[in-house]
Amino acid sequence: MKCISCEKETSESVQFPCPKCGEKILRCKRCRSLSLEYKCPKCGYKGP
């Protein structure tokens, strides 16, 4: 699985739906704890 923020392969990740369109977002534990920005590949929504 690949983190949408840092694009690194990870086994410690969290999946959640995009708040705007519902697309599956996958983020690693590190990027989530640092509140790094992500961008939905489907609708372009940006979040922390």
PDB file of N, CA and C in Angstrom:
ATOM      1  N   MET A   1       0.836  -1.174   0.000  1.00  0.00           N
ATOM      2  CA  MET A   1       0.000   0.000   0.000  1.00  0.00           C
ATOM      3  C   MET A   1       0.885   1.244   0.000  1.00  0.00           C
ATOM      4  N   LYS A   2       0.452   2.278  -0.712  1.00  0.00           N
ATOM      5  CA  LYS A   2       1.249   3.478  -0.879  1.00  0.00           C
ATOM      6  C   LYS A   2       0.537   4.685  -0.279  1.00  0.00           C
ATOM      7  N   CYS A   3       1.277   5.467   0.509  1.00  0.00           N
ATOM      8  CA  CYS A   3       0.746   6.675   1.136  1.00  0.00           C
ATOM      9  C   CYS A   3       0.515   7.748   0.072  1.00  0.00           C
ATOM     10  N   ILE A   4      -0.630   8.419   0.112  1.00  0.00           N
ATOM     11  CA  ILE A   4      -0.959   9.446  -0.863  1.00  0.00           C
ATOM     12  C   ILE A   4      -0.144  10.732  -0.647  1.00  0.00           C
ATOM     13  N   SER A   5       0.353  10.950   0.578  1.00  0.00           N
ATOM     14  CA  SER A   5       1.125  12.162   0.879  1.00  0.00           C
ATOM     15  C   SER A   5       2.598  12.025   0.489  1.00  0.00           C
ATOM     16  N   CYS A   6       3.261  10.972   0.979  1.00  0.00           N
ATOM     17  CA  CYS A   6       4.701  10.804   0.728  1.00  0.00           C
ATOM     18  C   CYS A   6       4.998   9.807  -0.384  1.00  0.00           C
ATOM     19  N   GLU A   7       4.001   9.065  -0.819  1.00  0.00           N
ATOM     20  CA  GLU A   7       4.107   8.078  -1.898  1.00  0.00           C
ATOM     21  C   GLU A   7       5.057   6.926  -1.582  1.00  0.00           C
ATOM     22  N   LYS A   8       5.275   6.662  -0.292  1.00  0.00           N
ATOM     23  CA  LYS A   8       6.113   5.537   0.107  1.00  0.00           C
ATOM     24  C   LYS A   8       5.234   4.342   0.436  1.00  0.00           C
ATOM     25  N   GLU A   9       5.773   3.151   0.187  1.00  0.00           N
ATOM     26  CA  GLU A   9       5.089   1.913   0.549  1.00  0.00           C
ATOM     27  C   GLU A   9       5.089   1.795   2.067  1.00  0.00           C
ATOM     28  N   THR A  10       3.960   1.393   2.640  1.00  0.00           N
ATOM     29  CA  THR A  10       3.857   1.276   4.084  1.00  0.00           C
ATOM     30  C   THR A  10       2.884   0.180   4.479  1.00  0.00           C
ATOM     31  N   SER A  11       3.142  -0.402   5.642  1.00  0.00           N
ATOM     32  CA  SER A  11       2.199  -1.385   6.176  1.00  0.00           C
ATOM     33  C   SER A  11       1.371  -0.760   7.295  1.00  0.00           C
ATOM     34  N   GLU A  12       1.873   0.337   7.854  1.00  0.00           N
ATOM     35  CA  GLU A  12       1.148   1.064   8.898  1.00  0.00           C
ATOM     36  C   GLU A  12       0.432   2.251   8.272  1.00  0.00           C
ATOM     37  N   SER A  13      -0.789   2.030   7.837  1.00  0.00           N
ATOM     38  CA  SER A  13      -1.518   3.095   7.156  1.00  0.00           C
ATOM     39  C   SER A  13      -2.966   3.157   7.633  1.00  0.00           C
ATOM     40  N   VAL A  14      -3.612   4.265   7.299  1.00  0.00           N
ATOM     41  CA  VAL A  14      -5.009   4.484   7.644  1.00  0.00           C
ATOM     42  C   VAL A  14      -5.748   4.800   6.358  1.00  0.00           C
ATOM     43  N   GLN A  15      -6.911   4.178   6.175  1.00  0.00           N
ATOM     44  CA  GLN A  15      -7.754   4.460   5.012  1.00  0.00           C
ATOM     45  C   GLN A  15      -9.000   5.193   5.464  1.00  0.00           C
ATOM     46  N   PHE A  16      -9.394   6.194   4.678  1.00  0.00           N
ATOM     47  CA  PHE A  16     -10.626   6.918   4.974  1.00  0.00           C
ATOM     48  C   PHE A  16     -11.159   7.487   3.672  1.00  0.00           C
ATOM     49  N   PRO A  17     -12.453   7.787   3.608  1.00  0.00           N
ATOM     50  CA  PRO A  17     -13.020   8.349   2.380  1.00  0.00           C
ATOM     51  C   PRO A  17     -12.719   9.841   2.258  1.00  0.00           C
ATOM     52  N   CYS A  18     -12.528  10.305   1.041  1.00  0.00           N
ATOM     53  CA  CYS A  18     -12.345  11.735   0.778  1.00  0.00           C
ATOM     54  C   CYS A  18     -13.598  12.461   1.275  1.00  0.00           C
ATOM     55  N   PRO A  19     -13.434  13.550   2.026  1.00  0.00           N
ATOM     56  CA  PRO A  19     -14.593  14.284   2.542  1.00  0.00           C
ATOM     57  C   PRO A  19     -15.491  14.864   1.450  1.00  0.00           C
ATOM     58  N   LYS A  20     -14.941  15.066   0.262  1.00  0.00           N
ATOM     59  CA  LYS A  20     -15.710  15.673  -0.823  1.00  0.00           C
ATOM     60  C   LYS A  20     -16.394  14.651  -1.732  1.00  0.00           C
ATOM     61  N   CYS A  21     -15.638  13.629  -2.174  1.00  0.00           N
ATOM     62  CA  CYS A  21     -16.198  12.705  -3.168  1.00  0.00           C
ATOM     63  C   CYS A  21     -16.319  11.256  -2.706  1.00  0.00           C
ATOM     64  N   GLY A  22     -15.688  10.908  -1.572  1.00  0.00           N
ATOM     65  CA  GLY A  22     -15.784   9.545  -1.068  1.00  0.00           C
ATOM     66  C   GLY A  22     -14.709   8.592  -1.564  1.00  0.00           C
ATOM     67  N   GLU A  23     -13.807   9.053  -2.433  1.00  0.00           N
ATOM     68  CA  GLU A  23     -12.701   8.225  -2.933  1.00  0.00           C
ATOM     69  C   GLU A  23     -11.849   7.759  -1.752  1.00  0.00           C
ATOM     70  N   LYS A  24     -11.325   6.532  -1.817  1.00  0.00           N
ATOM     71  CA  LYS A  24     -10.503   5.985  -0.747  1.00  0.00           C
ATOM     72  C   LYS A  24      -9.156   6.716  -0.686  1.00  0.00           C
ATOM     73  N   ILE A  25      -8.816   7.233   0.501  1.00  0.00           N
ATOM     74  CA  ILE A  25      -7.546   7.903   0.748  1.00  0.00           C
ATOM     75  C   ILE A  25      -6.740   7.015   1.685  1.00  0.00           C
ATOM     76  N   LEU A  26      -5.468   6.821   1.383  1.00  0.00           N
ATOM     77  CA  LEU A  26      -4.593   5.987   2.191  1.00  0.00           C
ATOM     78  C   LEU A  26      -3.398   6.830   2.620  1.00  0.00           C
ATOM     79  N   ARG A  27      -3.175   6.925   3.922  1.00  0.00           N
ATOM     80  CA  ARG A  27      -2.060   7.714   4.443  1.00  0.00           C
ATOM     81  C   ARG A  27      -1.291   6.907   5.467  1.00  0.00           C
ATOM     82  N   CYS A  28       0.044   7.103   5.497  1.00  0.00           N
ATOM     83  CA  CYS A  28       0.870   6.403   6.478  1.00  0.00           C
ATOM     84  C   CYS A  28       0.779   7.090   7.838  1.00  0.00           C
ATOM     85  N   LYS A  29       1.183   6.379   8.841  1.00  0.00           N
ATOM     86  CA  LYS A  29       1.120   6.871  10.218  1.00  0.00           C
ATOM     87  C   LYS A  29       1.933   8.158  10.384  1.00  0.00           C
ATOM     88  N   ARG A  30       3.109   8.230   9.758  1.00  0.00           N
ATOM     89  CA  ARG A  30       3.987   9.393   9.877  1.00  0.00           C
ATOM     90  C   ARG A  30       3.343  10.645   9.292  1.00  0.00           C
ATOM     91  N   CYS A  31       2.844  10.571   8.064  1.00  0.00           N
ATOM     92  CA  CYS A  31       2.242  11.734   7.408  1.00  0.00           C
ATOM     93  C   CYS A  31       0.986  12.199   8.133  1.00  0.00           C
ATOM     94  N   ARG A  32       0.245  11.252   8.646  1.00  0.00           N
ATOM     95  CA  ARG A  32      -0.962  11.603   9.383  1.00  0.00           C
ATOM     96  C   ARG A  32      -0.625  12.311  10.697  1.00  0.00           C
ATOM     97  N   SER A  33       0.377  11.815  11.411  1.00  0.00           N
ATOM     98  CA  SER A  33       0.751  12.436  12.692  1.00  0.00           C
ATOM     99  C   SER A  33       1.363  13.819  12.492  1.00  0.00           C
ATOM    100  N   LEU A  34       2.026  14.051  11.351  1.00  0.00           N
ATOM    101  CA  LEU A  34       2.606  15.362  11.050  1.00  0.00           C
ATOM    102  C   LEU A  34       1.609  16.292  10.357  1.00  0.00           C
ATOM    103  N   SER A  35       0.414  15.793  10.091  1.00  0.00           N
ATOM    104  CA  SER A  35      -0.641  16.557   9.395  1.00  0.00           C
ATOM    105  C   SER A  35      -0.173  17.097   8.046  1.00  0.00           C
ATOM    106  N   LEU A  36       0.573  16.261   7.310  1.00  0.00           N
ATOM    107  CA  LEU A  36       1.032  16.663   5.984  1.00  0.00           C
ATOM    108  C   LEU A  36      -0.144  16.694   5.009  1.00  0.00           C
ATOM    109  N   GLU A  37      -0.080  17.597   4.057  1.00  0.00           N
ATOM    110  CA  GLU A  37      -1.171  17.770   3.101  1.00  0.00           C
ATOM    111  C   GLU A  37      -1.309  16.559   2.175  1.00  0.00           C
ATOM    112  N   TYR A  38      -2.535  16.279   1.789  1.00  0.00           N
ATOM    113  CA  TYR A  38      -2.807  15.257   0.781  1.00  0.00           C
ATOM    114  C   TYR A  38      -3.765  15.844  -0.240  1.00  0.00           C
ATOM    115  N   LYS A  39      -3.790  15.242  -1.412  1.00  0.00           N
ATOM    116  CA  LYS A  39      -4.689  15.691  -2.473  1.00  0.00           C
ATOM    117  C   LYS A  39      -5.400  14.474  -3.048  1.00  0.00           C
ATOM    118  N   CYS A  40      -6.720  14.517  -3.080  1.00  0.00           N
ATOM    119  CA  CYS A  40      -7.511  13.415  -3.612  1.00  0.00           C
ATOM    120  C   CYS A  40      -7.227  13.280  -5.109  1.00  0.00           C
ATOM    121  N   PRO A  41      -6.883  12.068  -5.566  1.00  0.00           N
ATOM    122  CA  PRO A  41      -6.585  11.864  -6.980  1.00  0.00           C
ATOM    123  C   PRO A  41      -7.817  11.988  -7.882  1.00  0.00           C
ATOM    124  N   LYS A  42      -9.004  11.832  -7.292  1.00  0.00           N
ATOM    125  CA  LYS A  42     -10.233  11.867  -8.095  1.00  0.00           C
ATOM    126  C   LYS A  42     -10.795  13.287  -8.262  1.00  0.00           C
ATOM    127  N   CYS A  43     -10.934  14.025  -7.157  1.00  0.00           N
ATOM    128  CA  CYS A  43     -11.592  15.335  -7.227  1.00  0.00           C
ATOM    129  C   CYS A  43     -10.656  16.520  -6.954  1.00  0.00           C
ATOM    130  N   GLY A  44      -9.428  16.249  -6.469  1.00  0.00           N
ATOM    131  CA  GLY A  44      -8.480  17.322  -6.211  1.00  0.00           C
ATOM    132  C   GLY A  44      -8.608  17.968  -4.845  1.00  0.00           C
ATOM    133  N   TYR A  45      -9.509  17.475  -4.000  1.00  0.00           N
ATOM    134  CA  TYR A  45      -9.683  18.024  -2.649  1.00  0.00           C
ATOM    135  C   TYR A  45      -8.344  17.930  -1.898  1.00  0.00           C
ATOM    136  N   LYS A  46      -7.965  19.014  -1.223  1.00  0.00           N
ATOM    137  CA  LYS A  46      -6.739  19.020  -0.426  1.00  0.00           C
ATOM    138  C   LYS A  46      -7.088  19.091   1.042  1.00  0.00           C
ATOM    139  N   GLY A  47      -6.388  18.295   1.832  1.00  0.00           N
ATOM    140  CA  GLY A  47      -6.627  18.266   3.266  1.00  0.00           C
ATOM    141  C   GLY A  47      -5.342  18.089   4.038  1.00  0.00           C
ATOM    142  N   PRO A  48      -5.390  18.355   5.340  1.00  0.00           N
ATOM    143  CA  PRO A  48      -4.187  18.188   6.180  1.00  0.00           C
ATOM    144  C   PRO A  48      -3.996  16.750   6.624  1.00  0.00           C
TER     145      PRO A  48
END
